[in-house]
Amino acid sequence: AVVSTQSTGDIEYLTNNIEKVSKVVARMGDKDKVAKNEYETMLKAKALLEEGKDVRKCDWSNKEIEALNKHLLLTSKPVIYLINMSEKDYCKKKNKWLLKIKQYLDENDPGAVMIPFSGALEQALLDEPENAKTYLEERKTTSALSKIITTGFKALGLQYFFTVGADEVRAWTIPRHTKAPQAAGKIHTDMERGFIKAEVYLYDDIVEHKTEAAVKAAGRYRMEGKNYEMQDGDIVNIKFNVTDAKKK
């Protein structure tokens, strides 16, 4: 089996930690179920890594995932392959290595995301942002930066929601499948504790209809409760009420 540099680092890390946790298991036995689960999970992970398999590609139970999350192994991380090309090749969308890289990934990491980009082009856009639009139009191409960012967020299981005030628009980062009260808690813990409802519409709605009043008139303005699962791009107004805790 071919073992990557990342796998080698994870194997070394696990070897050291298995030894430490084994002492706890030897002393406590079945009394410490958390330590026993951690020990068995690390042994399984180490064996898989030695077979040349990445942790992220294997099947794990919820208990095993809980144990693995304590250790942040490199091979458990999601991977996006960024292929840096010359500006000329990127604009032509041609490079002699692209197909070979794609074939390698299909064989060794099926389903992996590969994003070609040009570091030289992105740097040029950053150096003169006021000329970025013209620069891209002249070369009949687009920046890959937005795709890299959105793909990265998706790989990490993250998404945005927005709050809008008279003097500020702010984006908040939350994990996918976050419920409305927990999203409100990202703004302030009182909002989660006293959550009543969320007034919601989508970013795409405001782009299409231009104003909040027009969004409401189009029937796109919604009231959502505690079980609402936040969607990427939601624009939210949180309604909440917090009273002093009752004295014991």
C-alpha atoms as a PDB file:
ATOM      1  CA  ALA A   1       0.000   0.000   0.000  1.00  0.00           C
ATOM      2  CA  VAL A   2       1.127   3.552  -0.794  1.00  0.00           C
ATOM      3  CA  VAL A   3       1.224   5.676   2.353  1.00  0.00           C
ATOM      4  CA  SER A   4       1.190   9.475   1.912  1.00  0.00           C
ATOM      5  CA  THR A   5       3.171  11.977   3.972  1.00  0.00           C
ATOM      6  CA  GLN A   6      -0.049  12.992   5.729  1.00  0.00           C
ATOM      7  CA  SER A   7      -0.795   9.351   6.541  1.00  0.00           C
ATOM      8  CA  THR A   8       2.712   8.873   7.936  1.00  0.00           C
ATOM      9  CA  GLY A   9       2.232  11.872  10.223  1.00  0.00           C
ATOM     10  CA  ASP A  10      -1.143  10.548  11.408  1.00  0.00           C
ATOM     11  CA  ILE A  11       0.323   7.066  12.045  1.00  0.00           C
ATOM     12  CA  GLU A  12       3.102   8.539  14.171  1.00  0.00           C
ATOM     13  CA  TYR A  13       0.618  10.674  16.084  1.00  0.00           C
ATOM     14  CA  LEU A  14      -1.728   7.748  16.705  1.00  0.00           C
ATOM     15  CA  THR A  15       1.106   5.452  17.786  1.00  0.00           C
ATOM     16  CA  ASN A  16       2.078   7.885  20.546  1.00  0.00           C
ATOM     17  CA  ASN A  17      -1.499   8.483  21.683  1.00  0.00           C
ATOM     18  CA  ILE A  18      -2.512   4.837  21.560  1.00  0.00           C
ATOM     19  CA  GLU A  19       0.241   4.120  24.054  1.00  0.00           C
ATOM     20  CA  LYS A  20      -1.059   6.834  26.404  1.00  0.00           C
ATOM     21  CA  VAL A  21      -4.722   5.807  26.196  1.00  0.00           C
ATOM     22  CA  SER A  22      -3.857   2.098  26.506  1.00  0.00           C
ATOM     23  CA  LYS A  23      -2.535   2.777  30.000  1.00  0.00           C
ATOM     24  CA  VAL A  24      -5.885   4.305  31.008  1.00  0.00           C
ATOM     25  CA  VAL A  25      -7.766   1.349  29.510  1.00  0.00           C
ATOM     26  CA  ALA A  26      -5.458  -1.142  31.256  1.00  0.00           C
ATOM     27  CA  ARG A  27      -6.063   0.603  34.575  1.00  0.00           C
ATOM     28  CA  MET A  28      -9.810   1.263  34.275  1.00  0.00           C
ATOM     29  CA  GLY A  29     -10.969  -1.562  32.005  1.00  0.00           C
ATOM     30  CA  ASP A  30     -14.645  -1.372  31.008  1.00  0.00           C
ATOM     31  CA  LYS A  31     -15.309   1.246  33.681  1.00  0.00           C
ATOM     32  CA  ASP A  32     -14.066   4.022  31.391  1.00  0.00           C
ATOM     33  CA  LYS A  33     -16.124   3.444  28.239  1.00  0.00           C
ATOM     34  CA  VAL A  34     -15.015   6.726  26.658  1.00  0.00           C
ATOM     35  CA  ALA A  35     -11.346   5.807  26.909  1.00  0.00           C
ATOM     36  CA  LYS A  36     -12.039   2.283  25.647  1.00  0.00           C
ATOM     37  CA  ASN A  37     -13.935   3.622  22.618  1.00  0.00           C
ATOM     38  CA  GLU A  38     -11.144   6.108  21.913  1.00  0.00           C
ATOM     39  CA  TYR A  39      -8.508   3.379  22.171  1.00  0.00           C
ATOM     40  CA  GLU A  40     -10.349   0.983  19.842  1.00  0.00           C
ATOM     41  CA  THR A  41     -11.099   3.781  17.351  1.00  0.00           C
ATOM     42  CA  MET A  42      -7.461   4.855  17.210  1.00  0.00           C
ATOM     43  CA  LEU A  43      -6.352   1.263  16.639  1.00  0.00           C
ATOM     44  CA  LYS A  44      -8.835   0.974  13.770  1.00  0.00           C
ATOM     45  CA  ALA A  45      -7.692   4.278  12.267  1.00  0.00           C
ATOM     46  CA  LYS A  46      -4.020   3.309  12.501  1.00  0.00           C
ATOM     47  CA  ALA A  47      -4.670  -0.041  10.803  1.00  0.00           C
ATOM     48  CA  LEU A  48      -6.559   1.647   7.948  1.00  0.00           C
ATOM     49  CA  LEU A  49      -3.824   4.247   7.483  1.00  0.00           C
ATOM     50  CA  GLU A  50      -1.203   1.492   7.296  1.00  0.00           C
ATOM     51  CA  GLU A  51      -3.278  -0.050   4.493  1.00  0.00           C
ATOM     52  CA  GLY A  52      -2.984   3.256   2.599  1.00  0.00           C
ATOM     53  CA  LYS A  53      -6.550   4.430   3.296  1.00  0.00           C
ATOM     54  CA  ASP A  54      -7.393   7.974   4.398  1.00  0.00           C
ATOM     55  CA  VAL A  55      -9.538   8.352   7.508  1.00  0.00           C
ATOM     56  CA  ARG A  56     -12.012  10.610   5.680  1.00  0.00           C
ATOM     57  CA  LYS A  57     -12.809   7.874   3.149  1.00  0.00           C
ATOM     58  CA  CYS A  58     -13.728   5.202   5.703  1.00  0.00           C
ATOM     59  CA  ASP A  59     -17.028   4.446   7.429  1.00  0.00           C
ATOM     60  CA  TRP A  60     -17.311   5.433  11.088  1.00  0.00           C
ATOM     61  CA  SER A  61     -20.013   5.163  13.728  1.00  0.00           C
ATOM     62  CA  ASN A  62     -21.118   8.273  15.644  1.00  0.00           C
ATOM     63  CA  LYS A  63     -19.133   7.129  18.690  1.00  0.00           C
ATOM     64  CA  GLU A  64     -16.029   6.627  16.575  1.00  0.00           C
ATOM     65  CA  ILE A  65     -16.444  10.062  14.983  1.00  0.00           C
ATOM     66  CA  GLU A  66     -16.718  11.584  18.445  1.00  0.00           C
ATOM     67  CA  ALA A  67     -13.411   9.945  19.391  1.00  0.00           C
ATOM     68  CA  LEU A  68     -11.692  10.957  16.132  1.00  0.00           C
ATOM     69  CA  ASN A  69     -12.796  14.575  16.485  1.00  0.00           C
ATOM     70  CA  LYS A  70     -10.559  14.880  19.550  1.00  0.00           C
ATOM     71  CA  HIS A  71      -7.471  14.226  17.440  1.00  0.00           C
ATOM     72  CA  LEU A  72      -7.944  16.274  14.236  1.00  0.00           C
ATOM     73  CA  LEU A  73      -6.048  13.854  12.006  1.00  0.00           C
ATOM     74  CA  LEU A  74      -4.773  15.322   8.735  1.00  0.00           C
ATOM     75  CA  THR A  75      -6.272  12.501   6.654  1.00  0.00           C
ATOM     76  CA  SER A  76      -9.701  13.160   8.200  1.00  0.00           C
ATOM     77  CA  LYS A  77      -9.824  16.637   6.638  1.00  0.00           C
ATOM     78  CA  PRO A  78     -11.793  17.292   3.440  1.00  0.00           C
ATOM     79  CA  VAL A  79      -9.543  17.877   0.429  1.00  0.00           C
ATOM     80  CA  ILE A  80      -9.872  20.188  -2.568  1.00  0.00           C
ATOM     81  CA  TYR A  81      -7.215  19.981  -5.260  1.00  0.00           C
ATOM     82  CA  LEU A  82      -6.213  23.418  -6.603  1.00  0.00           C
ATOM     83  CA  ILE A  83      -4.302  23.212  -9.885  1.00  0.00           C
ATOM     84  CA  ASN A  84      -2.185  26.338 -10.387  1.00  0.00           C
ATOM     85  CA  MET A  85      -1.704  27.197 -14.057  1.00  0.00           C
ATOM     86  CA  SER A  86       0.010  29.971 -15.954  1.00  0.00           C
ATOM     87  CA  GLU A  87      -2.272  32.856 -16.846  1.00  0.00           C
ATOM     88  CA  LYS A  88      -1.974  31.958 -20.540  1.00  0.00           C
ATOM     89  CA  ASP A  89      -2.982  28.303 -20.003  1.00  0.00           C
ATOM     90  CA  TYR A  90      -5.803  29.260 -17.624  1.00  0.00           C
ATOM     91  CA  CYS A  91      -7.300  31.704 -20.118  1.00  0.00           C
ATOM     92  CA  LYS A  92      -7.055  29.093 -22.905  1.00  0.00           C
ATOM     93  CA  LYS A  93      -8.431  26.428 -20.503  1.00  0.00           C
ATOM     94  CA  LYS A  94      -5.705  24.101 -21.733  1.00  0.00           C
ATOM     95  CA  ASN A  95      -2.685  22.529 -20.041  1.00  0.00           C
ATOM     96  CA  LYS A  96      -0.811  19.323 -20.864  1.00  0.00           C
ATOM     97  CA  TRP A  97      -0.974  18.178 -17.231  1.00  0.00           C
ATOM     98  CA  LEU A  98      -4.687  18.710 -16.490  1.00  0.00           C
ATOM     99  CA  LEU A  99      -5.965  15.465 -18.000  1.00  0.00           C
ATOM    100  CA  LYS A 100      -3.172  13.439 -16.367  1.00  0.00           C
ATOM    101  CA  ILE A 101      -3.935  14.990 -12.961  1.00  0.00           C
ATOM    102  CA  LYS A 102      -7.652  14.298 -13.423  1.00  0.00           C
ATOM    103  CA  GLN A 103      -6.945  10.664 -14.333  1.00  0.00           C
ATOM    104  CA  TYR A 104      -4.702  10.268 -11.288  1.00  0.00           C
ATOM    105  CA  LEU A 105      -7.386  11.688  -8.966  1.00  0.00           C
ATOM    106  CA  ASP A 106     -10.100   9.514 -10.517  1.00  0.00           C
ATOM    107  CA  GLU A 107      -7.965   6.462  -9.742  1.00  0.00           C
ATOM    108  CA  ASN A 108      -6.677   7.469  -6.318  1.00  0.00           C
ATOM    109  CA  ASP A 109      -9.357   9.790  -4.913  1.00  0.00           C
ATOM    110  CA  PRO A 110     -12.635   9.142  -6.763  1.00  0.00           C
ATOM    111  CA  GLY A 111     -15.109  12.016  -6.525  1.00  0.00           C
ATOM    112  CA  ALA A 112     -12.440  14.514  -5.491  1.00  0.00           C
ATOM    113  CA  VAL A 113     -12.980  18.167  -6.407  1.00  0.00           C
ATOM    114  CA  MET A 114     -10.357  19.677  -8.700  1.00  0.00           C
ATOM    115  CA  ILE A 115     -10.288  23.425  -9.422  1.00  0.00           C
ATOM    116  CA  PRO A 116      -7.894  24.882 -12.005  1.00  0.00           C
ATOM    117  CA  PHE A 117      -6.852  28.486 -11.284  1.00  0.00           C
ATOM    118  CA  SER A 118      -4.059  30.925 -12.045  1.00  0.00           C
ATOM    119  CA  GLY A 119      -2.232  32.438  -9.110  1.00  0.00           C
ATOM    120  CA  ALA A 120      -0.652  34.976 -11.461  1.00  0.00           C
ATOM    121  CA  LEU A 121      -4.045  36.149 -12.713  1.00  0.00           C
ATOM    122  CA  GLU A 122      -5.551  36.323  -9.210  1.00  0.00           C
ATOM    123  CA  GLN A 123      -2.552  38.375  -8.025  1.00  0.00           C
ATOM    124  CA  ALA A 124      -2.975  40.785 -10.930  1.00  0.00           C
ATOM    125  CA  LEU A 125      -6.627  41.289  -9.965  1.00  0.00           C
ATOM    126  CA  LEU A 126      -5.646  41.966  -6.347  1.00  0.00           C
ATOM    127  CA  ASP A 127      -2.923  44.420  -7.360  1.00  0.00           C
ATOM    128  CA  GLU A 128      -5.319  46.579  -9.382  1.00  0.00           C
ATOM    129  CA  PRO A 129      -8.876  45.878  -8.205  1.00  0.00           C
ATOM    130  CA  GLU A 130     -10.220  48.974  -9.975  1.00  0.00           C
ATOM    131  CA  ASN A 131      -9.184  47.441 -13.326  1.00  0.00           C
ATOM    132  CA  ALA A 132     -10.204  43.861 -12.525  1.00  0.00           C
ATOM    133  CA  LYS A 133     -13.363  43.819 -14.655  1.00  0.00           C
ATOM    134  CA  THR A 134     -11.551  45.149 -17.727  1.00  0.00           C
ATOM    135  CA  TYR A 135      -8.608  42.795 -17.139  1.00  0.00           C
ATOM    136  CA  LEU A 136     -10.917  39.760 -17.174  1.00  0.00           C
ATOM    137  CA  GLU A 137     -12.969  40.977 -20.145  1.00  0.00           C
ATOM    138  CA  GLU A 138      -9.841  41.526 -22.239  1.00  0.00           C
ATOM    139  CA  ARG A 139      -8.754  37.935 -21.565  1.00  0.00           C
ATOM    140  CA  LYS A 140     -12.285  36.516 -21.890  1.00  0.00           C
ATOM    141  CA  THR A 141     -11.994  34.686 -18.584  1.00  0.00           C
ATOM    142  CA  THR A 142     -13.199  34.777 -14.977  1.00  0.00           C
ATOM    143  CA  SER A 143     -11.618  34.636 -11.542  1.00  0.00           C
ATOM    144  CA  ALA A 144     -11.684  31.256  -9.805  1.00  0.00           C
ATOM    145  CA  LEU A 145     -11.546  32.804  -6.337  1.00  0.00           C
ATOM    146  CA  SER A 146     -15.295  32.740  -5.666  1.00  0.00           C
ATOM    147  CA  LYS A 147     -15.493  29.091  -6.708  1.00  0.00           C
ATOM    148  CA  ILE A 148     -12.559  28.208  -4.442  1.00  0.00           C
ATOM    149  CA  ILE A 149     -14.202  29.957  -1.476  1.00  0.00           C
ATOM    150  CA  THR A 150     -17.693  28.493  -1.969  1.00  0.00           C
ATOM    151  CA  THR A 151     -16.304  25.010  -2.625  1.00  0.00           C
ATOM    152  CA  GLY A 152     -14.168  25.276   0.515  1.00  0.00           C
ATOM    153  CA  PHE A 153     -17.179  26.287   2.589  1.00  0.00           C
ATOM    154  CA  LYS A 154     -19.173  23.360   1.220  1.00  0.00           C
ATOM    155  CA  ALA A 155     -16.346  20.912   1.929  1.00  0.00           C
ATOM    156  CA  LEU A 156     -16.169  22.141   5.527  1.00  0.00           C
ATOM    157  CA  GLY A 157     -19.944  21.856   5.941  1.00  0.00           C
ATOM    158  CA  LEU A 158     -20.385  25.608   6.407  1.00  0.00           C
ATOM    159  CA  GLN A 159     -22.784  28.224   5.094  1.00  0.00           C
ATOM    160  CA  TYR A 160     -23.696  31.906   5.514  1.00  0.00           C
ATOM    161  CA  PHE A 161     -26.701  33.794   6.718  1.00  0.00           C
ATOM    162  CA  PHE A 162     -27.076  37.573   6.728  1.00  0.00           C
ATOM    163  CA  THR A 163     -28.456  40.206   9.090  1.00  0.00           C
ATOM    164  CA  VAL A 164     -29.342  43.639   7.734  1.00  0.00           C
ATOM    165  CA  GLY A 165     -29.508  46.882   9.717  1.00  0.00           C
ATOM    166  CA  ALA A 166     -29.758  50.566   8.857  1.00  0.00           C
ATOM    167  CA  ASP A 167     -25.986  50.974   8.954  1.00  0.00           C
ATOM    168  CA  GLU A 168     -24.634  47.436   8.534  1.00  0.00           C
ATOM    169  CA  VAL A 169     -25.020  44.231   6.566  1.00  0.00           C
ATOM    170  CA  ARG A 170     -23.230  41.309   8.189  1.00  0.00           C
ATOM    171  CA  ALA A 171     -22.569  37.703   7.190  1.00  0.00           C
ATOM    172  CA  TRP A 172     -22.500  34.989   9.861  1.00  0.00           C
ATOM    173  CA  THR A 173     -20.914  31.572   9.404  1.00  0.00           C
ATOM    174  CA  ILE A 174     -22.733  28.493  10.677  1.00  0.00           C
ATOM    175  CA  PRO A 175     -22.563  24.705  10.086  1.00  0.00           C
ATOM    176  CA  ARG A 176     -25.062  23.253   7.621  1.00  0.00           C
ATOM    177  CA  HIS A 177     -28.308  21.987   9.189  1.00  0.00           C
ATOM    178  CA  THR A 178     -28.157  24.610  11.980  1.00  0.00           C
ATOM    179  CA  LYS A 179     -31.604  25.418  13.395  1.00  0.00           C
ATOM    180  CA  ALA A 180     -32.788  29.034  13.624  1.00  0.00           C
ATOM    181  CA  PRO A 181     -32.353  29.448  17.428  1.00  0.00           C
ATOM    182  CA  GLN A 182     -28.745  28.212  17.277  1.00  0.00           C
ATOM    183  CA  ALA A 183     -28.049  30.540  14.346  1.00  0.00           C
ATOM    184  CA  ALA A 184     -29.468  33.398  16.411  1.00  0.00           C
ATOM    185  CA  GLY A 185     -27.076  32.375  19.183  1.00  0.00           C
ATOM    186  CA  LYS A 186     -24.157  33.161  16.867  1.00  0.00           C
ATOM    187  CA  ILE A 187     -25.235  36.803  17.034  1.00  0.00           C
ATOM    188  CA  HIS A 188     -25.899  36.848  20.783  1.00  0.00           C
ATOM    189  CA  THR A 189     -26.660  34.166  23.350  1.00  0.00           C
ATOM    190  CA  ASP A 190     -29.756  36.109  24.485  1.00  0.00           C
ATOM    191  CA  MET A 191     -31.225  35.709  21.011  1.00  0.00           C
ATOM    192  CA  GLU A 192     -31.004  31.939  21.264  1.00  0.00           C
ATOM    193  CA  ARG A 193     -32.289  31.854  24.815  1.00  0.00           C
ATOM    194  CA  GLY A 194     -35.279  34.088  24.090  1.00  0.00           C
ATOM    195  CA  PHE A 195     -35.908  33.043  20.488  1.00  0.00           C
ATOM    196  CA  ILE A 196     -39.488  33.586  19.307  1.00  0.00           C
ATOM    197  CA  LYS A 197     -39.330  33.437  15.511  1.00  0.00           C
ATOM    198  CA  ALA A 198     -37.208  34.315  12.508  1.00  0.00           C
ATOM    199  CA  GLU A 199     -38.357  36.548   9.656  1.00  0.00           C
ATOM    200  CA  VAL A 200     -36.587  35.122   6.610  1.00  0.00           C
ATOM    201  CA  TYR A 201     -36.040  35.739   2.930  1.00  0.00           C
ATOM    202  CA  LEU A 202     -33.279  34.678   0.552  1.00  0.00           C
ATOM    203  CA  TYR A 203     -30.373  36.658  -0.828  1.00  0.00           C
ATOM    204  CA  ASP A 204     -31.644  35.747  -4.313  1.00  0.00           C
ATOM    205  CA  ASP A 205     -35.005  37.330  -3.414  1.00  0.00           C
ATOM    206  CA  ILE A 206     -33.502  40.735  -2.647  1.00  0.00           C
ATOM    207  CA  VAL A 207     -31.380  40.576  -5.815  1.00  0.00           C
ATOM    208  CA  GLU A 208     -34.520  39.898  -7.868  1.00  0.00           C
ATOM    209  CA  HIS A 209     -36.952  42.274  -6.148  1.00  0.00           C
ATOM    210  CA  LYS A 210     -34.503  45.023  -5.056  1.00  0.00           C
ATOM    211  CA  THR A 211     -36.241  46.077  -1.809  1.00  0.00           C
ATOM    212  CA  GLU A 212     -37.554  44.316   1.298  1.00  0.00           C
ATOM    213  CA  ALA A 213     -41.010  45.788   0.642  1.00  0.00           C
ATOM    214  CA  ALA A 214     -41.020  44.248  -2.833  1.00  0.00           C
ATOM    215  CA  VAL A 215     -39.898  40.911  -1.388  1.00  0.00           C
ATOM    216  CA  LYS A 216     -42.873  40.992   0.989  1.00  0.00           C
ATOM    217  CA  ALA A 217     -45.240  41.968  -1.832  1.00  0.00           C
ATOM    218  CA  ALA A 218     -44.002  38.997  -3.859  1.00  0.00           C
ATOM    219  CA  GLY A 219     -44.813  36.649  -0.970  1.00  0.00           C
ATOM    220  CA  ARG A 220     -41.176  35.710  -0.421  1.00  0.00           C
ATOM    221  CA  TYR A 221     -40.966  37.008   3.173  1.00  0.00           C
ATOM    222  CA  ARG A 222     -41.514  34.126   5.610  1.00  0.00           C
ATOM    223  CA  MET A 223     -41.992  33.547   9.329  1.00  0.00           C
ATOM    224  CA  GLU A 224     -40.099  30.524  10.643  1.00  0.00           C
ATOM    225  CA  GLY A 225     -40.065  28.853  14.065  1.00  0.00           C
ATOM    226  CA  LYS A 226     -37.627  26.974  16.279  1.00  0.00           C
ATOM    227  CA  ASN A 227     -37.395  23.934  14.009  1.00  0.00           C
ATOM    228  CA  TYR A 228     -36.486  25.885  10.888  1.00  0.00           C
ATOM    229  CA  GLU A 229     -33.224  24.672   9.335  1.00  0.00           C
ATOM    230  CA  MET A 230     -31.226  27.615   8.043  1.00  0.00           C
ATOM    231  CA  GLN A 231     -30.528  27.741   4.304  1.00  0.00           C
ATOM    232  CA  ASP A 232     -27.414  29.130   2.686  1.00  0.00           C
ATOM    233  CA  GLY A 233     -27.979  32.804   1.837  1.00  0.00           C
ATOM    234  CA  ASP A 234     -30.885  33.390   4.234  1.00  0.00           C
ATOM    235  CA  ILE A 235     -31.409  37.017   5.261  1.00  0.00           C
ATOM    236  CA  VAL A 236     -32.823  36.936   8.766  1.00  0.00           C
ATOM    237  CA  ASN A 237     -34.457  39.221  11.301  1.00  0.00           C
ATOM    238  CA  ILE A 238     -34.591  37.506  14.704  1.00  0.00           C
ATOM    239  CA  LYS A 239     -37.485  38.159  17.067  1.00  0.00           C
ATOM    240  CA  PHE A 240     -36.671  37.341  20.675  1.00  0.00           C
ATOM    241  CA  ASN A 241     -37.597  38.209  24.222  1.00  0.00           C
ATOM    242  CA  VAL A 242     -35.446  37.632  27.293  1.00  0.00           C
ATOM    243  CA  THR A 243     -36.776  37.974  30.815  1.00  0.00           C
ATOM    244  CA  ASP A 244     -34.775  37.695  34.025  1.00  0.00           C
ATOM    245  CA  ALA A 245     -34.424  34.141  35.273  1.00  0.00           C
ATOM    246  CA  LYS A 246     -36.793  33.303  38.097  1.00  0.00           C
ATOM    247  CA  LYS A 247     -35.266  33.482  41.512  1.00  0.00           C
ATOM    248  CA  LYS A 248     -34.952  30.152  43.265  1.00  0.00           C
END
